[in-house]
Amino acid sequence: MIEIGRLCIKTAGRDAGLKCMIVDILDDKFVLVDGETRRRKCNILHLEPLKEVVKIKKNASHEDVSKALKELDIKARETKPKPKTERPRKKRKTPEQLRERKEEKKKLRGMFKRKKEEKKEKAEEKKESSLEEKAGLVEEKEKTESKDPKKA
């Protein structure tokens, strides 16, 4: 039932429901298919064989397969090759550009250092006040501070 030139319908995968032709038998489970589907290896369990058999040679090219399918009024999948383009090259930066970039980085570092220092100071102030409050020393400080202005 599975032979070269046998017309089939794919039942699984991205190309499910499309007609294809067996171009080559790879082993007892896999075949090479081409036609309305992409030319690729396919599991025999994912194919539904039809009655039609076309005479083509083993490993026939895509053109041969598309000609054989045209006789059966089936349009084969046509793909356009990608146009070749050069990949963009990176341009070297001038020493002036490098210096400018370094200066920008230094400025940014300085800004972040200041912010970190401010955060640390605020955190230390909070810690000190909270420790004094916990120890109950806040009331004593207030009393001593209130006595000092009276003396002056």
N, C-alpha and C. Protein backbone atom coordinates (compact mmCIF):
# COMPACT_ATOMS: atom_id res chain seq x y z
N MET A 1 0.83 -1.19 0.00
CA MET A 1 0.00 0.00 0.00
C MET A 1 0.87 1.26 0.00
N ILE A 2 1.96 1.24 0.76
CA ILE A 2 2.88 2.39 0.79
C ILE A 2 3.96 2.12 -0.26
N GLU A 3 3.93 2.94 -1.31
CA GLU A 3 4.91 2.78 -2.38
C GLU A 3 5.25 4.15 -2.97
N ILE A 4 6.35 4.22 -3.69
CA ILE A 4 6.78 5.49 -4.29
C ILE A 4 5.77 5.90 -5.36
N GLY A 5 5.32 7.16 -5.28
CA GLY A 5 4.34 7.68 -6.22
C GLY A 5 2.91 7.61 -5.73
N ARG A 6 2.68 7.01 -4.57
CA ARG A 6 1.33 6.88 -4.01
C ARG A 6 0.86 8.25 -3.52
N LEU A 7 -0.35 8.63 -3.90
CA LEU A 7 -0.94 9.88 -3.45
C LEU A 7 -1.58 9.64 -2.08
N CYS A 8 -1.36 10.57 -1.13
CA CYS A 8 -1.86 10.41 0.24
C CYS A 8 -2.41 11.74 0.74
N ILE A 9 -3.12 11.67 1.84
CA ILE A 9 -3.56 12.87 2.56
C ILE A 9 -2.94 12.80 3.94
N LYS A 10 -2.33 13.92 4.35
CA LYS A 10 -1.75 13.97 5.70
C LYS A 10 -2.86 14.13 6.71
N THR A 11 -2.78 13.37 7.80
CA THR A 11 -3.83 13.41 8.83
C THR A 11 -3.38 14.09 10.11
N ALA A 12 -2.09 14.37 10.22
CA ALA A 12 -1.60 14.98 11.46
C ALA A 12 -0.57 16.05 11.13
N GLY A 13 -0.40 16.97 12.04
CA GLY A 13 0.63 17.99 11.89
C GLY A 13 0.12 19.27 11.26
N ARG A 14 1.05 20.16 10.97
CA ARG A 14 0.73 21.47 10.42
C ARG A 14 0.11 21.38 9.04
N ASP A 15 0.50 20.37 8.26
CA ASP A 15 0.01 20.20 6.90
C ASP A 15 -1.18 19.23 6.83
N ALA A 16 -1.85 19.01 7.93
CA ALA A 16 -2.97 18.04 7.97
C ALA A 16 -4.06 18.45 6.99
N GLY A 17 -4.59 17.46 6.27
CA GLY A 17 -5.66 17.71 5.32
C GLY A 17 -5.17 18.02 3.91
N LEU A 18 -3.88 18.12 3.71
CA LEU A 18 -3.33 18.43 2.39
C LEU A 18 -2.85 17.16 1.71
N LYS A 19 -2.90 17.18 0.37
CA LYS A 19 -2.47 16.01 -0.39
C LYS A 19 -0.96 16.04 -0.61
N CYS A 20 -0.39 14.85 -0.62
CA CYS A 20 1.05 14.73 -0.85
C CYS A 20 1.33 13.43 -1.59
N MET A 21 2.57 13.33 -2.04
CA MET A 21 2.98 12.14 -2.77
C MET A 21 4.21 11.55 -2.10
N ILE A 22 4.26 10.24 -2.01
CA ILE A 22 5.42 9.59 -1.41
C ILE A 22 6.55 9.61 -2.43
N VAL A 23 7.67 10.21 -2.05
CA VAL A 23 8.82 10.35 -2.95
C VAL A 23 9.87 9.29 -2.66
N ASP A 24 9.99 8.90 -1.38
CA ASP A 24 11.01 7.91 -1.01
C ASP A 24 10.56 7.20 0.26
N ILE A 25 10.92 5.93 0.38
CA ILE A 25 10.64 5.18 1.61
C ILE A 25 11.94 5.12 2.39
N LEU A 26 11.94 5.75 3.58
CA LEU A 26 13.17 5.85 4.37
C LEU A 26 13.40 4.60 5.22
N ASP A 27 12.40 4.13 5.91
CA ASP A 27 12.48 2.85 6.63
C ASP A 27 11.05 2.33 6.83
N ASP A 28 10.87 1.38 7.75
CA ASP A 28 9.55 0.76 7.87
C ASP A 28 8.50 1.69 8.48
N LYS A 29 8.89 2.83 9.05
CA LYS A 29 7.92 3.74 9.66
C LYS A 29 7.86 5.12 8.99
N PHE A 30 8.91 5.51 8.28
CA PHE A 30 8.96 6.87 7.75
C PHE A 30 9.13 6.90 6.23
N VAL A 31 8.51 7.92 5.62
CA VAL A 31 8.63 8.15 4.18
C VAL A 31 8.92 9.62 3.95
N LEU A 32 9.41 9.93 2.75
CA LEU A 32 9.63 11.32 2.34
C LEU A 32 8.46 11.73 1.47
N VAL A 33 7.77 12.83 1.85
CA VAL A 33 6.60 13.27 1.10
C VAL A 33 6.84 14.66 0.52
N ASP A 34 6.10 14.97 -0.56
CA ASP A 34 6.17 16.27 -1.21
C ASP A 34 4.86 16.49 -1.94
N GLY A 35 4.51 17.74 -2.19
CA GLY A 35 3.27 18.05 -2.91
C GLY A 35 2.69 19.34 -2.38
N GLU A 36 1.41 19.30 -1.98
CA GLU A 36 0.80 20.48 -1.36
C GLU A 36 1.45 20.77 -0.01
N THR A 37 2.04 19.75 0.57
CA THR A 37 2.71 19.89 1.86
C THR A 37 4.17 20.28 1.65
N ARG A 38 4.83 20.50 2.75
CA ARG A 38 6.27 20.75 2.67
C ARG A 38 6.99 19.43 2.41
N ARG A 39 8.10 19.48 1.70
CA ARG A 39 8.88 18.26 1.43
C ARG A 39 9.61 17.89 2.70
N ARG A 40 9.19 16.77 3.28
CA ARG A 40 9.79 16.37 4.55
C ARG A 40 9.50 14.93 4.90
N LYS A 41 10.20 14.47 5.92
CA LYS A 41 10.03 13.12 6.44
C LYS A 41 8.70 13.07 7.19
N CYS A 42 7.97 11.97 6.99
CA CYS A 42 6.64 11.86 7.59
C CYS A 42 6.42 10.42 8.08
N ASN A 43 5.76 10.29 9.20
CA ASN A 43 5.42 8.98 9.74
C ASN A 43 4.29 8.38 8.90
N ILE A 44 4.38 7.09 8.63
CA ILE A 44 3.37 6.41 7.81
C ILE A 44 2.01 6.45 8.50
N LEU A 45 2.00 6.44 9.83
CA LEU A 45 0.73 6.48 10.57
C LEU A 45 0.02 7.82 10.41
N HIS A 46 0.73 8.84 9.95
CA HIS A 46 0.14 10.16 9.76
C HIS A 46 -0.35 10.38 8.32
N LEU A 47 -0.37 9.31 7.54
CA LEU A 47 -0.79 9.41 6.14
C LEU A 47 -2.01 8.54 5.89
N GLU A 48 -2.91 9.03 5.03
CA GLU A 48 -4.07 8.25 4.59
C GLU A 48 -3.88 8.00 3.09
N PRO A 49 -3.48 6.78 2.67
CA PRO A 49 -3.23 6.53 1.25
C PRO A 49 -4.51 6.60 0.41
N LEU A 50 -4.38 7.14 -0.81
CA LEU A 50 -5.49 7.22 -1.77
C LEU A 50 -5.28 6.17 -2.86
N LYS A 51 -6.22 6.09 -3.80
CA LYS A 51 -6.14 5.08 -4.86
C LYS A 51 -5.10 5.40 -5.90
N GLU A 52 -4.88 6.69 -6.19
CA GLU A 52 -4.02 7.09 -7.29
C GLU A 52 -2.54 6.79 -7.01
N VAL A 53 -1.87 6.28 -8.03
CA VAL A 53 -0.42 6.07 -7.99
C VAL A 53 0.15 6.66 -9.27
N VAL A 54 1.18 7.49 -9.11
CA VAL A 54 1.82 8.14 -10.25
C VAL A 54 3.21 7.55 -10.38
N LYS A 55 3.63 7.35 -11.64
CA LYS A 55 4.98 6.81 -11.85
C LYS A 55 5.99 7.94 -11.75
N ILE A 56 6.78 7.91 -10.68
CA ILE A 56 7.91 8.83 -10.55
C ILE A 56 9.10 8.03 -10.05
N LYS A 57 10.28 8.57 -10.28
CA LYS A 57 11.47 7.87 -9.83
C LYS A 57 11.72 8.15 -8.35
N LYS A 58 12.53 7.30 -7.72
CA LYS A 58 12.86 7.46 -6.31
C LYS A 58 13.65 8.76 -6.14
N ASN A 59 13.37 9.50 -5.06
CA ASN A 59 14.00 10.80 -4.76
C ASN A 59 13.80 11.80 -5.89
N ALA A 60 12.62 11.83 -6.49
CA ALA A 60 12.33 12.77 -7.57
C ALA A 60 12.40 14.19 -7.03
N SER A 61 12.80 15.13 -7.88
CA SER A 61 12.91 16.53 -7.46
C SER A 61 11.51 17.13 -7.29
N HIS A 62 11.47 18.30 -6.69
CA HIS A 62 10.19 18.97 -6.45
C HIS A 62 9.51 19.31 -7.79
N GLU A 63 10.30 19.67 -8.79
CA GLU A 63 9.74 20.00 -10.11
C GLU A 63 9.05 18.78 -10.72
N ASP A 64 9.70 17.62 -10.63
CA ASP A 64 9.10 16.39 -11.16
C ASP A 64 7.78 16.07 -10.44
N VAL A 65 7.78 16.23 -9.14
CA VAL A 65 6.57 15.94 -8.36
C VAL A 65 5.46 16.92 -8.73
N SER A 66 5.80 18.21 -8.87
CA SER A 66 4.77 19.20 -9.21
C SER A 66 4.20 18.96 -10.60
N LYS A 67 5.03 18.51 -11.57
CA LYS A 67 4.53 18.17 -12.91
C LYS A 67 3.56 17.00 -12.83
N ALA A 68 3.92 15.96 -12.06
CA ALA A 68 3.06 14.79 -11.92
C ALA A 68 1.73 15.16 -11.25
N LEU A 69 1.77 16.06 -10.28
CA LEU A 69 0.55 16.47 -9.60
C LEU A 69 -0.32 17.37 -10.48
N LYS A 70 0.30 18.13 -11.39
CA LYS A 70 -0.47 18.98 -12.31
C LYS A 70 -1.36 18.13 -13.20
N GLU A 71 -0.88 16.96 -13.58
CA GLU A 71 -1.67 16.05 -14.41
C GLU A 71 -2.93 15.60 -13.68
N LEU A 72 -2.85 15.54 -12.34
CA LEU A 72 -4.00 15.15 -11.51
C LEU A 72 -4.80 16.36 -11.03
N ASP A 73 -4.48 17.55 -11.56
CA ASP A 73 -5.13 18.81 -11.17
C ASP A 73 -4.94 19.14 -9.69
N ILE A 74 -3.75 18.88 -9.19
CA ILE A 74 -3.38 19.24 -7.81
C ILE A 74 -2.22 20.21 -7.89
N LYS A 75 -2.35 21.32 -7.19
CA LYS A 75 -1.29 22.34 -7.23
C LYS A 75 -0.28 22.06 -6.11
N ALA A 76 0.98 21.96 -6.50
CA ALA A 76 2.04 21.70 -5.53
C ALA A 76 2.44 22.99 -4.83
N ARG A 77 2.99 22.86 -3.66
CA ARG A 77 3.43 24.02 -2.88
C ARG A 77 4.65 24.65 -3.54
N GLU A 78 4.59 25.96 -3.74
CA GLU A 78 5.70 26.69 -4.33
C GLU A 78 6.25 27.67 -3.30
N THR A 79 7.54 27.65 -3.13
CA THR A 79 8.18 28.59 -2.20
C THR A 79 9.19 29.42 -2.95
N LYS A 80 9.35 30.64 -2.52
CA LYS A 80 10.33 31.53 -3.13
C LYS A 80 11.59 31.50 -2.28
N PRO A 81 12.74 31.41 -2.92
CA PRO A 81 13.96 31.45 -2.12
C PRO A 81 14.17 32.84 -1.53
N LYS A 82 14.76 32.88 -0.35
CA LYS A 82 15.02 34.16 0.31
C LYS A 82 16.06 34.95 -0.48
N PRO A 83 15.83 36.24 -0.66
CA PRO A 83 16.86 37.03 -1.34
C PRO A 83 18.07 37.18 -0.42
N LYS A 84 19.25 37.00 -0.99
CA LYS A 84 20.46 37.08 -0.19
C LYS A 84 20.83 38.54 0.02
N THR A 85 21.05 38.89 1.27
CA THR A 85 21.45 40.25 1.61
C THR A 85 22.67 40.19 2.51
N GLU A 86 23.48 41.23 2.43
CA GLU A 86 24.65 41.29 3.31
C GLU A 86 24.20 41.71 4.68
N ARG A 87 24.80 41.11 5.67
CA ARG A 87 24.44 41.51 7.02
C ARG A 87 25.15 42.82 7.34
N PRO A 88 24.51 43.70 8.06
CA PRO A 88 25.11 45.00 8.34
C PRO A 88 26.36 44.86 9.23
N ARG A 89 27.37 45.57 8.86
CA ARG A 89 28.63 45.55 9.62
C ARG A 89 28.61 46.63 10.68
N LYS A 90 29.22 46.34 11.82
CA LYS A 90 29.31 47.34 12.87
C LYS A 90 30.43 48.30 12.55
N LYS A 91 30.16 49.59 12.73
CA LYS A 91 31.19 50.59 12.49
C LYS A 91 31.96 50.83 13.77
N ARG A 92 33.26 51.03 13.61
CA ARG A 92 34.08 51.31 14.77
C ARG A 92 33.81 52.72 15.27
N LYS A 93 33.86 52.90 16.58
CA LYS A 93 33.64 54.22 17.15
C LYS A 93 34.95 54.96 17.23
N THR A 94 34.87 56.26 17.02
CA THR A 94 36.08 57.08 17.08
C THR A 94 36.47 57.27 18.53
N PRO A 95 37.73 57.64 18.78
CA PRO A 95 38.17 57.87 20.17
C PRO A 95 37.33 58.94 20.87
N GLU A 96 36.88 59.94 20.13
CA GLU A 96 36.05 60.99 20.72
C GLU A 96 34.73 60.42 21.23
N GLN A 97 34.12 59.56 20.43
CA GLN A 97 32.85 58.94 20.82
C GLN A 97 33.04 58.07 22.06
N LEU A 98 34.18 57.36 22.11
CA LEU A 98 34.45 56.50 23.26
C LEU A 98 34.62 57.34 24.53
N ARG A 99 35.33 58.47 24.41
CA ARG A 99 35.52 59.35 25.57
C ARG A 99 34.18 59.89 26.07
N GLU A 100 33.33 60.32 25.13
CA GLU A 100 32.02 60.84 25.52
C GLU A 100 31.21 59.78 26.25
N ARG A 101 31.28 58.57 25.76
CA ARG A 101 30.53 57.49 26.38
C ARG A 101 31.03 57.21 27.80
N LYS A 102 32.36 57.26 27.99
CA LYS A 102 32.93 57.04 29.31
C LYS A 102 32.47 58.12 30.28
N GLU A 103 32.47 59.36 29.82
CA GLU A 103 32.05 60.46 30.68
C GLU A 103 30.58 60.31 31.09
N GLU A 104 29.74 59.90 30.15
CA GLU A 104 28.33 59.67 30.47
C GLU A 104 28.17 58.59 31.53
N LYS A 105 28.94 57.53 31.40
CA LYS A 105 28.87 56.44 32.38
C LYS A 105 29.30 56.92 33.76
N LYS A 106 30.38 57.76 33.81
CA LYS A 106 30.85 58.28 35.09
C LYS A 106 29.77 59.12 35.76
N LYS A 107 29.10 59.96 34.96
CA LYS A 107 28.04 60.80 35.51
C LYS A 107 26.92 59.93 36.10
N LEU A 108 26.55 58.91 35.36
CA LEU A 108 25.49 58.03 35.84
C LEU A 108 25.89 57.31 37.13
N ARG A 109 27.15 56.86 37.19
CA ARG A 109 27.64 56.19 38.40
C ARG A 109 27.57 57.13 39.59
N GLY A 110 27.98 58.38 39.36
CA GLY A 110 27.95 59.36 40.44
C GLY A 110 26.54 59.59 40.95
N MET A 111 25.59 59.65 40.05
CA MET A 111 24.20 59.86 40.46
C MET A 111 23.70 58.71 41.31
N PHE A 112 24.01 57.49 40.89
CA PHE A 112 23.54 56.33 41.63
C PHE A 112 24.23 56.21 42.99
N LYS A 113 25.52 56.59 43.05
CA LYS A 113 26.24 56.53 44.33
C LYS A 113 25.60 57.48 45.32
N ARG A 114 25.28 58.70 44.89
CA ARG A 114 24.65 59.69 45.78
C ARG A 114 23.33 59.16 46.31
N LYS A 115 22.54 58.58 45.43
CA LYS A 115 21.24 58.06 45.85
C LYS A 115 21.41 56.95 46.87
N LYS A 116 22.39 56.08 46.65
CA LYS A 116 22.63 54.98 47.58
C LYS A 116 23.06 55.52 48.94
N GLU A 117 23.96 56.53 48.92
CA GLU A 117 24.42 57.10 50.17
C GLU A 117 23.27 57.75 50.94
N GLU A 118 22.39 58.46 50.23
CA GLU A 118 21.24 59.09 50.87
C GLU A 118 20.33 58.03 51.50
N LYS A 119 20.11 56.96 50.80
CA LYS A 119 19.27 55.89 51.32
C LYS A 119 19.88 55.29 52.58
N LYS A 120 21.22 55.09 52.56
CA LYS A 120 21.90 54.52 53.72
C LYS A 120 21.76 55.44 54.92
N GLU A 121 21.95 56.76 54.70
CA GLU A 121 21.83 57.72 55.79
C GLU A 121 20.44 57.71 56.40
N LYS A 122 19.42 57.68 55.54
CA LYS A 122 18.05 57.66 56.02
C LYS A 122 17.78 56.39 56.82
N ALA A 123 18.30 55.29 56.33
CA ALA A 123 18.10 54.01 57.01
C ALA A 123 18.78 54.04 58.39
N GLU A 124 19.98 54.62 58.47
CA GLU A 124 20.70 54.70 59.74
C GLU A 124 19.94 55.57 60.73
N GLU A 125 19.39 56.69 60.25
CA GLU A 125 18.62 57.57 61.12
C GLU A 125 17.40 56.84 61.68
N LYS A 126 16.73 56.09 60.82
CA LYS A 126 15.56 55.35 61.26
C LYS A 126 15.95 54.30 62.29
N LYS A 127 17.07 53.63 62.03
CA LYS A 127 17.52 52.59 62.97
C LYS A 127 17.84 53.19 64.32
N GLU A 128 18.56 54.33 64.33
CA GLU A 128 18.95 54.96 65.59
C GLU A 128 17.72 55.38 66.38
N SER A 129 16.78 56.03 65.71
CA SER A 129 15.60 56.50 66.41
C SER A 129 14.78 55.33 66.93
N SER A 130 14.67 54.30 66.15
CA SER A 130 13.86 53.17 66.58
C SER A 130 14.52 52.44 67.75
N LEU A 131 15.84 52.37 67.77
CA LEU A 131 16.52 51.71 68.88
C LEU A 131 16.33 52.51 70.17
N GLU A 132 16.42 53.84 70.07
CA GLU A 132 16.24 54.68 71.25
C GLU A 132 14.81 54.57 71.78
N GLU A 133 13.87 54.54 70.84
CA GLU A 133 12.48 54.41 71.26
C GLU A 133 12.24 53.09 71.96
N LYS A 134 12.85 52.05 71.44
CA LYS A 134 12.68 50.73 72.04
C LYS A 134 13.25 50.68 73.46
N ALA A 135 14.35 51.35 73.62
CA ALA A 135 15.01 51.32 74.93
C ALA A 135 14.33 52.25 75.93
N GLY A 136 13.46 53.13 75.42
CA GLY A 136 12.78 54.06 76.31
C GLY A 136 13.64 55.28 76.63
N LEU A 137 14.65 55.54 75.84
CA LEU A 137 15.54 56.66 76.07
C LEU A 137 15.00 57.96 75.48
N VAL A 138 13.97 57.90 74.71
CA VAL A 138 13.42 59.08 74.04
C VAL A 138 12.87 60.05 75.09
N GLU A 139 12.19 59.56 76.09
CA GLU A 139 11.61 60.41 77.14
C GLU A 139 12.71 61.12 77.92
N GLU A 140 13.78 60.39 78.20
CA GLU A 140 14.89 60.98 78.97
C GLU A 140 15.54 62.09 78.16
N LYS A 141 15.71 61.91 76.87
CA LYS A 141 16.31 62.94 76.02
C LYS A 141 15.45 64.19 76.03
N GLU A 142 14.14 64.00 75.91
CA GLU A 142 13.24 65.14 75.88
C GLU A 142 13.32 65.92 77.19
N LYS A 143 13.43 65.21 78.30
CA LYS A 143 13.53 65.87 79.60
C LYS A 143 14.82 66.67 79.70
N THR A 144 15.93 66.06 79.27
CA THR A 144 17.23 66.76 79.34
C THR A 144 17.24 67.95 78.40
N GLU A 145 16.63 67.83 77.24
CA GLU A 145 16.58 68.94 76.28
C GLU A 145 15.71 70.07 76.82
N SER A 146 14.63 69.73 77.48
CA SER A 146 13.75 70.77 78.01
C SER A 146 14.41 71.50 79.17
N LYS A 147 15.29 70.85 79.93
CA LYS A 147 15.98 71.50 81.05
C LYS A 147 17.05 72.45 80.53
N ASP A 148 17.77 72.07 79.45
CA ASP A 148 18.86 72.89 78.94
C ASP A 148 18.40 74.26 78.47
N PRO A 149 17.33 74.42 77.72
CA PRO A 149 16.92 75.76 77.27
C PRO A 149 16.54 76.66 78.46
N LYS A 150 16.02 76.12 79.54
CA LYS A 150 15.68 76.92 80.70
C LYS A 150 16.93 77.48 81.36
N LYS A 151 18.01 76.69 81.35
CA LYS A 151 19.25 77.13 81.97
C LYS A 151 19.87 78.25 81.19
N ALA A 152 19.71 78.24 79.87
CA ALA A 152 20.33 79.26 79.03
C ALA A 152 19.54 80.50 79.12
